[in-house]
All heavy atoms as atom14 arrays in JSON, in Angstrom:
{
  "sequence": "DNAKATVYLQMNSLQPEDTAVYYCAAPGTQLYYTDRQDRYTYWGQGTQ",
  "atom14_mask": [
    [1, 1, 1, 1, 1, 1, 1, 1, 0, 0, 0, 0, 0, 0],
    [1, 1, 1, 1, 1, 1, 1, 1, 0, 0, 0, 0, 0, 0],
    [1, 1, 1, 1, 1, 0, 0, 0, 0, 0, 0, 0, 0, 0],
    [1, 1, 1, 1, 1, 1, 1, 1, 1, 0, 0, 0, 0, 0],
    [1, 1, 1, 1, 1, 0, 0, 0, 0, 0, 0, 0, 0, 0],
    [1, 1, 1, 1, 1, 1, 1, 0, 0, 0, 0, 0, 0, 0],
    [1, 1, 1, 1, 1, 1, 1, 0, 0, 0, 0, 0, 0, 0],
    [1, 1, 1, 1, 1, 1, 1, 1, 1, 1, 1, 1, 0, 0],
    [1, 1, 1, 1, 1, 1, 1, 1, 0, 0, 0, 0, 0, 0],
    [1, 1, 1, 1, 1, 1, 1, 1, 1, 0, 0, 0, 0, 0],
    [1, 1, 1, 1, 1, 1, 1, 1, 0, 0, 0, 0, 0, 0],
    [1, 1, 1, 1, 1, 1, 1, 1, 0, 0, 0, 0, 0, 0],
    [1, 1, 1, 1, 1, 1, 0, 0, 0, 0, 0, 0, 0, 0],
    [1, 1, 1, 1, 1, 1, 1, 1, 0, 0, 0, 0, 0, 0],
    [1, 1, 1, 1, 1, 1, 1, 1, 1, 0, 0, 0, 0, 0],
    [1, 1, 1, 1, 1, 1, 1, 0, 0, 0, 0, 0, 0, 0],
    [1, 1, 1, 1, 1, 1, 1, 1, 1, 0, 0, 0, 0, 0],
    [1, 1, 1, 1, 1, 1, 1, 1, 0, 0, 0, 0, 0, 0],
    [1, 1, 1, 1, 1, 1, 1, 0, 0, 0, 0, 0, 0, 0],
    [1, 1, 1, 1, 1, 0, 0, 0, 0, 0, 0, 0, 0, 0],
    [1, 1, 1, 1, 1, 1, 1, 0, 0, 0, 0, 0, 0, 0],
    [1, 1, 1, 1, 1, 1, 1, 1, 1, 1, 1, 1, 0, 0],
    [1, 1, 1, 1, 1, 1, 1, 1, 1, 1, 1, 1, 0, 0],
    [1, 1, 1, 1, 1, 1, 0, 0, 0, 0, 0, 0, 0, 0],
    [1, 1, 1, 1, 1, 0, 0, 0, 0, 0, 0, 0, 0, 0],
    [1, 1, 1, 1, 1, 0, 0, 0, 0, 0, 0, 0, 0, 0],
    [1, 1, 1, 1, 1, 1, 1, 0, 0, 0, 0, 0, 0, 0],
    [1, 1, 1, 1, 0, 0, 0, 0, 0, 0, 0, 0, 0, 0],
    [1, 1, 1, 1, 1, 1, 1, 0, 0, 0, 0, 0, 0, 0],
    [1, 1, 1, 1, 1, 1, 1, 1, 1, 0, 0, 0, 0, 0],
    [1, 1, 1, 1, 1, 1, 1, 1, 0, 0, 0, 0, 0, 0],
    [1, 1, 1, 1, 1, 1, 1, 1, 1, 1, 1, 1, 0, 0],
    [1, 1, 1, 1, 1, 1, 1, 1, 1, 1, 1, 1, 0, 0],
    [1, 1, 1, 1, 1, 1, 1, 0, 0, 0, 0, 0, 0, 0],
    [1, 1, 1, 1, 1, 1, 1, 1, 0, 0, 0, 0, 0, 0],
    [1, 1, 1, 1, 1, 1, 1, 1, 1, 1, 1, 0, 0, 0],
    [1, 1, 1, 1, 1, 1, 1, 1, 1, 0, 0, 0, 0, 0],
    [1, 1, 1, 1, 1, 1, 1, 1, 0, 0, 0, 0, 0, 0],
    [1, 1, 1, 1, 1, 1, 1, 1, 1, 1, 1, 0, 0, 0],
    [1, 1, 1, 1, 1, 1, 1, 1, 1, 1, 1, 1, 0, 0],
    [1, 1, 1, 1, 1, 1, 1, 0, 0, 0, 0, 0, 0, 0],
    [1, 1, 1, 1, 1, 1, 1, 1, 1, 1, 1, 1, 0, 0],
    [1, 1, 1, 1, 1, 1, 1, 1, 1, 1, 1, 1, 1, 1],
    [1, 1, 1, 1, 0, 0, 0, 0, 0, 0, 0, 0, 0, 0],
    [1, 1, 1, 1, 1, 1, 1, 1, 1, 0, 0, 0, 0, 0],
    [1, 1, 1, 1, 0, 0, 0, 0, 0, 0, 0, 0, 0, 0],
    [1, 1, 1, 1, 1, 1, 1, 0, 0, 0, 0, 0, 0, 0],
    [1, 1, 1, 1, 1, 1, 1, 1, 1, 0, 0, 0, 0, 0]
  ],
  "atom14_positions": [
    [[-11.34, -2.33, -4.9], [-12.78, -2.26, -5.08], [-13.14, -0.8, -4.87], [-13.24, -0.32, -3.74], [-13.51, -3.15, -4.1], [-15.01, -3.21, -4.33], [-15.56, -2.28, -4.95], [-15.63, -4.19, -3.92], [0.0, 0.0, 0.0], [0.0, 0.0, 0.0], [0.0, 0.0, 0.0], [0.0, 0.0, 0.0], [0.0, 0.0, 0.0], [0.0, 0.0, 0.0]],
    [[-13.33, -0.07, -5.96], [-13.6, 1.34, -5.86], [-14.95, 1.64, -5.17], [-15.08, 2.68, -4.53], [-13.54, 2.0, -7.25], [-12.12, 2.21, -7.73], [-11.15, 2.02, -6.99], [-11.98, 2.58, -9.01], [0.0, 0.0, 0.0], [0.0, 0.0, 0.0], [0.0, 0.0, 0.0], [0.0, 0.0, 0.0], [0.0, 0.0, 0.0], [0.0, 0.0, 0.0]],
    [[-15.91, 0.74, -5.34], [-17.2, 0.95, -4.69], [-17.05, 0.92, -3.17], [-17.82, 1.56, -2.46], [-18.2, -0.09, -5.17], [0.0, 0.0, 0.0], [0.0, 0.0, 0.0], [0.0, 0.0, 0.0], [0.0, 0.0, 0.0], [0.0, 0.0, 0.0], [0.0, 0.0, 0.0], [0.0, 0.0, 0.0], [0.0, 0.0, 0.0], [0.0, 0.0, 0.0]],
    [[-16.1, 0.12, -2.68], [-15.85, 0.01, -1.25], [-14.7, 0.89, -0.76], [-14.41, 0.9, 0.43], [-15.58, -1.44, -0.88], [-16.72, -2.38, -1.13], [-16.37, -3.81, -0.72], [-17.52, -4.74, -0.94], [-17.19, -6.13, -0.55], [0.0, 0.0, 0.0], [0.0, 0.0, 0.0], [0.0, 0.0, 0.0], [0.0, 0.0, 0.0], [0.0, 0.0, 0.0]],
    [[-14.08, 1.6, -1.69], [-12.92, 2.45, -1.36], [-11.87, 1.65, -0.57], [-11.37, 2.1, 0.45], [-13.35, 3.7, -0.6], [0.0, 0.0, 0.0], [0.0, 0.0, 0.0], [0.0, 0.0, 0.0], [0.0, 0.0, 0.0], [0.0, 0.0, 0.0], [0.0, 0.0, 0.0], [0.0, 0.0, 0.0], [0.0, 0.0, 0.0], [0.0, 0.0, 0.0]],
    [[-11.58, 0.47, -1.07], [-10.66, -0.43, -0.39], [-9.68, -1.04, -1.37], [-10.07, -1.42, -2.48], [-11.45, -1.55, 0.32], [-12.36, -1.0, 1.25], [-10.49, -2.49, 1.06], [0.0, 0.0, 0.0], [0.0, 0.0, 0.0], [0.0, 0.0, 0.0], [0.0, 0.0, 0.0], [0.0, 0.0, 0.0], [0.0, 0.0, 0.0], [0.0, 0.0, 0.0]],
    [[-8.42, -1.11, -0.96], [-7.4, -1.77, -1.75], [-6.92, -3.01, -0.97], [-6.88, -2.98, 0.28], [-6.22, -0.83, -2.08], [-5.54, -0.32, -0.82], [-5.24, -1.48, -3.02], [0.0, 0.0, 0.0], [0.0, 0.0, 0.0], [0.0, 0.0, 0.0], [0.0, 0.0, 0.0], [0.0, 0.0, 0.0], [0.0, 0.0, 0.0], [0.0, 0.0, 0.0]],
    [[-6.57, -4.06, -1.66], [-6.21, -5.34, -1.06], [-4.83, -5.76, -1.49], [-4.36, -5.42, -2.57], [-7.21, -6.42, -1.45], [-8.64, -6.08, -1.15], [-9.45, -5.55, -2.16], [-9.19, -6.32, 0.1], [-10.78, -5.22, -1.88], [-10.53, -6.0, 0.36], [-11.3, -5.46, -0.65], [-12.62, -5.16, -0.38], [0.0, 0.0, 0.0], [0.0, 0.0, 0.0]],
    [[-4.2, -6.58, -0.66], [-2.96, -7.23, -1.03], [-3.08, -8.69, -0.62], [-3.04, -9.02, 0.57], [-1.75, -6.58, -0.35], [-0.4, -7.14, -0.77], [-0.11, -6.81, -2.23], [0.72, -6.61, 0.13], [0.0, 0.0, 0.0], [0.0, 0.0, 0.0], [0.0, 0.0, 0.0], [0.0, 0.0, 0.0], [0.0, 0.0, 0.0], [0.0, 0.0, 0.0]],
    [[-3.23, -9.57, -1.61], [-3.28, -10.99, -1.38], [-1.86, -11.51, -1.38], [-1.14, -11.37, -2.35], [-4.1, -11.7, -2.45], [-4.15, -13.21, -2.33], [-4.91, -13.67, -1.1], [-5.98, -13.15, -0.81], [-4.35, -14.61, -0.37], [0.0, 0.0, 0.0], [0.0, 0.0, 0.0], [0.0, 0.0, 0.0], [0.0, 0.0, 0.0], [0.0, 0.0, 0.0]],
    [[-1.44, -12.13, -0.28], [-0.09, -12.6, -0.11], [-0.12, -14.12, 0.04], [-0.66, -14.64, 1.02], [0.57, -11.97, 1.1], [0.54, -10.44, 1.1], [1.44, -9.69, 2.48], [0.39, -10.24, 3.83], [0.0, 0.0, 0.0], [0.0, 0.0, 0.0], [0.0, 0.0, 0.0], [0.0, 0.0, 0.0], [0.0, 0.0, 0.0], [0.0, 0.0, 0.0]],
    [[0.47, -14.81, -0.92], [0.53, -16.26, -0.9], [1.96, -16.72, -0.74], [2.92, -15.95, -0.97], [-0.03, -16.83, -2.21], [-1.48, -16.52, -2.42], [-2.24, -16.39, -1.46], [-1.91, -16.42, -3.68], [0.0, 0.0, 0.0], [0.0, 0.0, 0.0], [0.0, 0.0, 0.0], [0.0, 0.0, 0.0], [0.0, 0.0, 0.0], [0.0, 0.0, 0.0]],
    [[2.13, -17.94, -0.32], [3.45, -18.56, -0.14], [4.37, -17.66, 0.69], [5.53, -17.42, 0.33], [4.08, -18.86, -1.51], [3.27, -19.74, -2.24], [0.0, 0.0, 0.0], [0.0, 0.0, 0.0], [0.0, 0.0, 0.0], [0.0, 0.0, 0.0], [0.0, 0.0, 0.0], [0.0, 0.0, 0.0], [0.0, 0.0, 0.0], [0.0, 0.0, 0.0]],
    [[3.86, -17.2, 1.79], [4.61, -16.27, 2.63], [5.88, -16.93, 3.18], [5.87, -18.12, 3.52], [3.76, -15.75, 3.77], [2.76, -14.66, 3.36], [1.68, -14.51, 4.43], [3.47, -13.35, 3.14], [0.0, 0.0, 0.0], [0.0, 0.0, 0.0], [0.0, 0.0, 0.0], [0.0, 0.0, 0.0], [0.0, 0.0, 0.0], [0.0, 0.0, 0.0]],
    [[6.93, -16.16, 3.25], [8.23, -16.61, 3.74], [8.69, -15.71, 4.86], [8.22, -14.58, 5.0], [9.25, -16.62, 2.61], [8.89, -17.49, 1.43], [8.75, -18.94, 1.83], [9.61, -19.49, 2.53], [7.66, -19.59, 1.38], [0.0, 0.0, 0.0], [0.0, 0.0, 0.0], [0.0, 0.0, 0.0], [0.0, 0.0, 0.0], [0.0, 0.0, 0.0]],
    [[9.62, -16.17, 5.71], [10.08, -15.35, 6.81], [10.59, -13.98, 6.37], [10.42, -13.02, 7.11], [11.2, -16.19, 7.44], [10.77, -17.6, 7.15], [10.16, -17.57, 5.79], [0.0, 0.0, 0.0], [0.0, 0.0, 0.0], [0.0, 0.0, 0.0], [0.0, 0.0, 0.0], [0.0, 0.0, 0.0], [0.0, 0.0, 0.0], [0.0, 0.0, 0.0]],
    [[11.19, -13.91, 5.2], [11.68, -12.61, 4.73], [10.59, -11.63, 4.39], [10.86, -10.45, 4.13], [12.63, -12.8, 3.54], [12.03, -13.6, 2.41], [12.41, -15.06, 2.46], [12.49, -15.63, 3.57], [12.62, -15.67, 1.38], [0.0, 0.0, 0.0], [0.0, 0.0, 0.0], [0.0, 0.0, 0.0], [0.0, 0.0, 0.0], [0.0, 0.0, 0.0]],
    [[9.33, -12.09, 4.37], [8.21, -11.2, 4.17], [7.77, -10.5, 5.47], [6.89, -9.64, 5.45], [7.0, -11.94, 3.6], [7.27, -12.49, 2.21], [7.85, -11.76, 1.37], [6.9, -13.66, 1.96], [0.0, 0.0, 0.0], [0.0, 0.0, 0.0], [0.0, 0.0, 0.0], [0.0, 0.0, 0.0], [0.0, 0.0, 0.0], [0.0, 0.0, 0.0]],
    [[8.36, -10.89, 6.57], [8.02, -10.3, 7.86], [8.33, -8.81, 7.85], [9.45, -8.4, 7.58], [8.77, -10.97, 8.99], [8.34, -12.35, 9.1], [8.52, -10.28, 10.32], [0.0, 0.0, 0.0], [0.0, 0.0, 0.0], [0.0, 0.0, 0.0], [0.0, 0.0, 0.0], [0.0, 0.0, 0.0], [0.0, 0.0, 0.0], [0.0, 0.0, 0.0]],
    [[7.32, -8.0, 8.13], [7.47, -6.55, 8.1], [6.15, -5.91, 8.53], [5.13, -6.57, 8.64], [7.84, -6.07, 6.68], [0.0, 0.0, 0.0], [0.0, 0.0, 0.0], [0.0, 0.0, 0.0], [0.0, 0.0, 0.0], [0.0, 0.0, 0.0], [0.0, 0.0, 0.0], [0.0, 0.0, 0.0], [0.0, 0.0, 0.0], [0.0, 0.0, 0.0]],
    [[6.22, -4.62, 8.75], [5.01, -3.82, 8.86], [4.62, -3.39, 7.46], [5.46, -2.82, 6.72], [5.21, -2.58, 9.76], [3.94, -1.72, 9.77], [5.58, -3.01, 11.18], [0.0, 0.0, 0.0], [0.0, 0.0, 0.0], [0.0, 0.0, 0.0], [0.0, 0.0, 0.0], [0.0, 0.0, 0.0], [0.0, 0.0, 0.0], [0.0, 0.0, 0.0]],
    [[3.4, -3.64, 7.07], [2.91, -3.34, 5.72], [2.06, -2.09, 5.77], [1.14, -1.99, 6.59], [2.13, -4.5, 5.15], [3.0, -5.63, 4.68], [3.67, -6.43, 5.59], [3.18, -5.89, 3.33], [4.51, -7.47, 5.16], [4.0, -6.9, 2.89], [4.67, -7.69, 3.8], [5.5, -8.71, 3.38], [0.0, 0.0, 0.0], [0.0, 0.0, 0.0]],
    [[2.32, -1.17, 4.86], [1.64, 0.1, 4.77], [0.95, 0.26, 3.43], [1.53, -0.11, 2.41], [2.6, 1.27, 4.94], [3.36, 1.33, 6.25], [4.58, 0.68, 6.38], [2.84, 2.02, 7.33], [5.29, 0.73, 7.56], [3.55, 2.07, 8.53], [4.77, 1.44, 8.64], [5.46, 1.49, 9.82], [0.0, 0.0, 0.0], [0.0, 0.0, 0.0]],
    [[-0.24, 0.8, 3.43], [-0.81, 1.27, 2.18], [-0.66, 2.79, 2.11], [-0.57, 3.46, 3.13], [-2.27, 0.85, 1.99], [-3.45, 1.61, 3.14], [0.0, 0.0, 0.0], [0.0, 0.0, 0.0], [0.0, 0.0, 0.0], [0.0, 0.0, 0.0], [0.0, 0.0, 0.0], [0.0, 0.0, 0.0], [0.0, 0.0, 0.0], [0.0, 0.0, 0.0]],
    [[-0.65, 3.32, 0.91], [-0.39, 4.74, 0.73], [-1.01, 5.22, -0.57], [-1.21, 4.45, -1.5], [1.11, 5.02, 0.73], [0.0, 0.0, 0.0], [0.0, 0.0, 0.0], [0.0, 0.0, 0.0], [0.0, 0.0, 0.0], [0.0, 0.0, 0.0], [0.0, 0.0, 0.0], [0.0, 0.0, 0.0], [0.0, 0.0, 0.0], [0.0, 0.0, 0.0]],
    [[-1.26, 6.51, -0.63], [-1.79, 7.17, -1.81], [-0.9, 8.33, -2.2], [-0.4, 9.05, -1.32], [-3.22, 7.64, -1.59], [0.0, 0.0, 0.0], [0.0, 0.0, 0.0], [0.0, 0.0, 0.0], [0.0, 0.0, 0.0], [0.0, 0.0, 0.0], [0.0, 0.0, 0.0], [0.0, 0.0, 0.0], [0.0, 0.0, 0.0], [0.0, 0.0, 0.0]],
    [[-0.7, 8.56, -3.48], [0.06, 9.74, -3.91], [-0.66, 11.02, -3.58], [-1.85, 11.04, -3.28], [0.19, 9.57, -5.42], [-0.19, 8.15, -5.71], [-1.16, 7.77, -4.64], [0.0, 0.0, 0.0], [0.0, 0.0, 0.0], [0.0, 0.0, 0.0], [0.0, 0.0, 0.0], [0.0, 0.0, 0.0], [0.0, 0.0, 0.0], [0.0, 0.0, 0.0]],
    [[0.09, 12.14, -3.62], [-0.51, 13.42, -3.37], [-1.28, 14.0, -4.54], [-1.91, 15.05, -4.4], [0.0, 0.0, 0.0], [0.0, 0.0, 0.0], [0.0, 0.0, 0.0], [0.0, 0.0, 0.0], [0.0, 0.0, 0.0], [0.0, 0.0, 0.0], [0.0, 0.0, 0.0], [0.0, 0.0, 0.0], [0.0, 0.0, 0.0], [0.0, 0.0, 0.0]],
    [[-1.24, 13.32, -5.69], [-1.87, 13.81, -6.89], [-2.77, 12.75, -7.48], [-2.43, 11.57, -7.53], [-0.8, 14.21, -7.94], [0.09, 15.16, -7.38], [-1.43, 14.8, -9.18], [0.0, 0.0, 0.0], [0.0, 0.0, 0.0], [0.0, 0.0, 0.0], [0.0, 0.0, 0.0], [0.0, 0.0, 0.0], [0.0, 0.0, 0.0], [0.0, 0.0, 0.0]],
    [[-3.95, 13.16, -7.95], [-4.86, 12.24, -8.62], [-4.27, 11.78, -9.95], [-3.48, 12.48, -10.58], [-6.2, 12.91, -8.85], [-6.95, 13.29, -7.61], [-8.28, 13.94, -7.89], [-8.61, 14.23, -9.06], [-9.08, 14.18, -6.87], [0.0, 0.0, 0.0], [0.0, 0.0, 0.0], [0.0, 0.0, 0.0], [0.0, 0.0, 0.0], [0.0, 0.0, 0.0]],
    [[-4.67, 10.58, -10.35], [-4.31, 10.0, -11.65], [-2.79, 9.98, -11.86], [-2.3, 10.21, -12.96], [-4.98, 10.78, -12.79], [-6.51, 10.95, -12.66], [-7.04, 11.73, -13.85], [-7.21, 9.6, -12.53], [0.0, 0.0, 0.0], [0.0, 0.0, 0.0], [0.0, 0.0, 0.0], [0.0, 0.0, 0.0], [0.0, 0.0, 0.0], [0.0, 0.0, 0.0]],
    [[-2.07, 9.69, -10.81], [-0.6, 9.66, -10.83], [-0.14, 8.27, -10.43], [-0.46, 7.79, -9.34], [-0.03, 10.71, -9.88], [1.47, 10.87, -9.96], [2.1, 11.15, -11.16], [2.24, 10.76, -8.8], [3.49, 11.31, -11.21], [3.61, 10.91, -8.85], [4.24, 11.19, -10.06], [5.58, 11.35, -10.12], [0.0, 0.0, 0.0], [0.0, 0.0, 0.0]],
    [[0.63, 7.64, -11.3], [1.04, 6.24, -11.15], [2.54, 6.2, -10.93], [3.32, 6.53, -11.83], [0.65, 5.46, -12.41], [0.89, 3.98, -12.39], [-0.05, 3.13, -11.77], [1.98, 3.41, -13.02], [0.12, 1.76, -11.79], [2.15, 2.03, -13.03], [1.22, 1.2, -12.42], [1.4, -0.15, -12.44], [0.0, 0.0, 0.0], [0.0, 0.0, 0.0]],
    [[2.98, 5.81, -9.72], [4.4, 5.81, -9.42], [4.67, 4.85, -8.28], [3.84, 4.62, -7.42], [4.89, 7.22, -9.05], [6.29, 7.18, -8.79], [4.18, 7.73, -7.79], [0.0, 0.0, 0.0], [0.0, 0.0, 0.0], [0.0, 0.0, 0.0], [0.0, 0.0, 0.0], [0.0, 0.0, 0.0], [0.0, 0.0, 0.0], [0.0, 0.0, 0.0]],
    [[5.91, 4.29, -8.28], [6.36, 3.48, -7.17], [7.37, 4.24, -6.3], [7.97, 3.65, -5.4], [6.99, 2.17, -7.65], [8.19, 2.35, -8.53], [8.6, 3.5, -8.78], [8.75, 1.33, -9.01], [0.0, 0.0, 0.0], [0.0, 0.0, 0.0], [0.0, 0.0, 0.0], [0.0, 0.0, 0.0], [0.0, 0.0, 0.0], [0.0, 0.0, 0.0]],
    [[7.55, 5.5, -6.55], [8.46, 6.33, -5.76], [7.83, 6.7, -4.45], [6.79, 7.37, -4.41], [8.86, 7.58, -6.52], [9.76, 7.33, -7.71], [10.1, 8.63, -8.43], [10.66, 9.62, -7.51], [11.06, 10.83, -7.91], [10.99, 11.17, -9.19], [11.56, 11.68, -7.01], [0.0, 0.0, 0.0], [0.0, 0.0, 0.0], [0.0, 0.0, 0.0]],
    [[8.45, 6.29, -3.34], [7.9, 6.58, -2.03], [7.75, 8.08, -1.76], [6.82, 8.48, -1.07], [8.77, 5.96, -0.94], [8.82, 4.46, -0.94], [9.57, 3.91, 0.25], [9.36, 4.34, 1.38], [10.45, 2.97, -0.02], [0.0, 0.0, 0.0], [0.0, 0.0, 0.0], [0.0, 0.0, 0.0], [0.0, 0.0, 0.0], [0.0, 0.0, 0.0]],
    [[8.65, 8.87, -2.31], [8.63, 10.3, -2.04], [7.47, 11.0, -2.73], [7.24, 12.19, -2.47], [9.95, 10.96, -2.39], [10.32, 10.86, -3.86], [9.71, 10.06, -4.59], [11.23, 11.59, -4.31], [0.0, 0.0, 0.0], [0.0, 0.0, 0.0], [0.0, 0.0, 0.0], [0.0, 0.0, 0.0], [0.0, 0.0, 0.0], [0.0, 0.0, 0.0]],
    [[6.75, 10.31, -3.6], [5.57, 10.88, -4.23], [4.27, 10.48, -3.54], [3.21, 10.92, -3.96], [5.52, 10.45, -5.7], [6.78, 10.79, -6.5], [7.16, 12.26, -6.39], [6.13, 13.12, -6.93], [6.15, 14.46, -6.88], [7.16, 15.06, -6.29], [5.16, 15.16, -7.41], [0.0, 0.0, 0.0], [0.0, 0.0, 0.0], [0.0, 0.0, 0.0]],
    [[4.39, 9.7, -2.49], [3.21, 9.3, -1.73], [3.04, 10.21, -0.52], [3.98, 10.41, 0.25], [3.3, 7.84, -1.29], [2.97, 6.91, -2.44], [3.88, 6.67, -3.46], [1.72, 6.29, -2.51], [3.56, 5.85, -4.51], [1.41, 5.47, -3.55], [2.33, 5.24, -4.56], [2.0, 4.41, -5.61], [0.0, 0.0, 0.0], [0.0, 0.0, 0.0]],
    [[1.87, 10.74, -0.38], [1.55, 11.74, 0.65], [0.79, 11.15, 1.83], [1.03, 11.51, 2.98], [0.76, 12.89, 0.05], [1.53, 13.52, -0.99], [0.41, 13.94, 1.1], [0.0, 0.0, 0.0], [0.0, 0.0, 0.0], [0.0, 0.0, 0.0], [0.0, 0.0, 0.0], [0.0, 0.0, 0.0], [0.0, 0.0, 0.0], [0.0, 0.0, 0.0]],
    [[-0.15, 10.27, 1.55], [-1.05, 9.73, 2.56], [-0.67, 8.31, 2.89], [-0.55, 7.45, 1.99], [-2.5, 9.81, 2.06], [-2.87, 11.18, 1.57], [-3.02, 11.44, 0.21], [-3.06, 12.23, 2.46], [-3.35, 12.7, -0.24], [-3.4, 13.48, 2.01], [-3.53, 13.72, 0.66], [-3.88, 14.98, 0.21], [0.0, 0.0, 0.0], [0.0, 0.0, 0.0]],
    [[-0.51, 8.03, 4.19], [-0.05, 6.73, 4.66], [-0.94, 6.2, 5.76], [-1.44, 6.95, 6.6], [1.38, 6.84, 5.2], [2.38, 7.17, 4.14], [2.67, 8.39, 3.64], [3.22, 6.23, 3.45], [3.65, 8.28, 2.68], [4.0, 6.97, 2.53], [3.38, 4.85, 3.52], [4.94, 6.37, 1.7], [4.31, 4.24, 2.68], [5.06, 5.01, 1.78]],
    [[-1.14, 4.9, 5.75], [-1.82, 4.25, 6.85], [-0.9, 4.03, 8.02], [0.32, 4.34, 7.98], [0.0, 0.0, 0.0], [0.0, 0.0, 0.0], [0.0, 0.0, 0.0], [0.0, 0.0, 0.0], [0.0, 0.0, 0.0], [0.0, 0.0, 0.0], [0.0, 0.0, 0.0], [0.0, 0.0, 0.0], [0.0, 0.0, 0.0], [0.0, 0.0, 0.0]],
    [[-1.43, 3.47, 9.09], [-0.65, 3.26, 10.3], [0.19, 1.98, 10.24], [1.08, 1.8, 11.05], [-1.59, 3.18, 11.51], [-2.25, 1.83, 11.77], [-3.32, 1.45, 10.75], [-3.77, 2.28, 9.97], [-3.69, 0.17, 10.74], [0.0, 0.0, 0.0], [0.0, 0.0, 0.0], [0.0, 0.0, 0.0], [0.0, 0.0, 0.0], [0.0, 0.0, 0.0]],
    [[-0.1, 1.13, 9.29], [0.62, -0.12, 9.11], [-0.02, -1.29, 9.85], [-0.7, -1.11, 10.85], [0.0, 0.0, 0.0], [0.0, 0.0, 0.0], [0.0, 0.0, 0.0], [0.0, 0.0, 0.0], [0.0, 0.0, 0.0], [0.0, 0.0, 0.0], [0.0, 0.0, 0.0], [0.0, 0.0, 0.0], [0.0, 0.0, 0.0], [0.0, 0.0, 0.0]],
    [[0.21, -2.47, 9.31], [-0.25, -3.7, 9.95], [0.88, -4.7, 9.93], [1.59, -4.87, 8.94], [-1.52, -4.26, 9.26], [-2.0, -5.39, 9.98], [-1.24, -4.66, 7.82], [0.0, 0.0, 0.0], [0.0, 0.0, 0.0], [0.0, 0.0, 0.0], [0.0, 0.0, 0.0], [0.0, 0.0, 0.0], [0.0, 0.0, 0.0], [0.0, 0.0, 0.0]],
    [[1.1, -5.36, 11.05], [2.25, -6.25, 11.21], [1.96, -7.61, 10.59], [0.94, -8.24, 10.86], [2.58, -6.43, 12.7], [3.7, -7.42, 12.97], [5.05, -6.88, 12.57], [5.41, -5.73, 12.9], [5.79, -7.69, 11.82], [0.0, 0.0, 0.0], [0.0, 0.0, 0.0], [0.0, 0.0, 0.0], [0.0, 0.0, 0.0], [0.0, 0.0, 0.0]]
  ]
}
């Protein structure tokens, strides 16, 4: 929701193997689409 500056992750049918600390992150460059972790600059603290 860009108006709220918030990104969401809806997780259904959770399984034990989904147990982890979950982080959101933003790349260091605007308008850049990538799944490479090394291209992400800004990271949250994580939620268990």
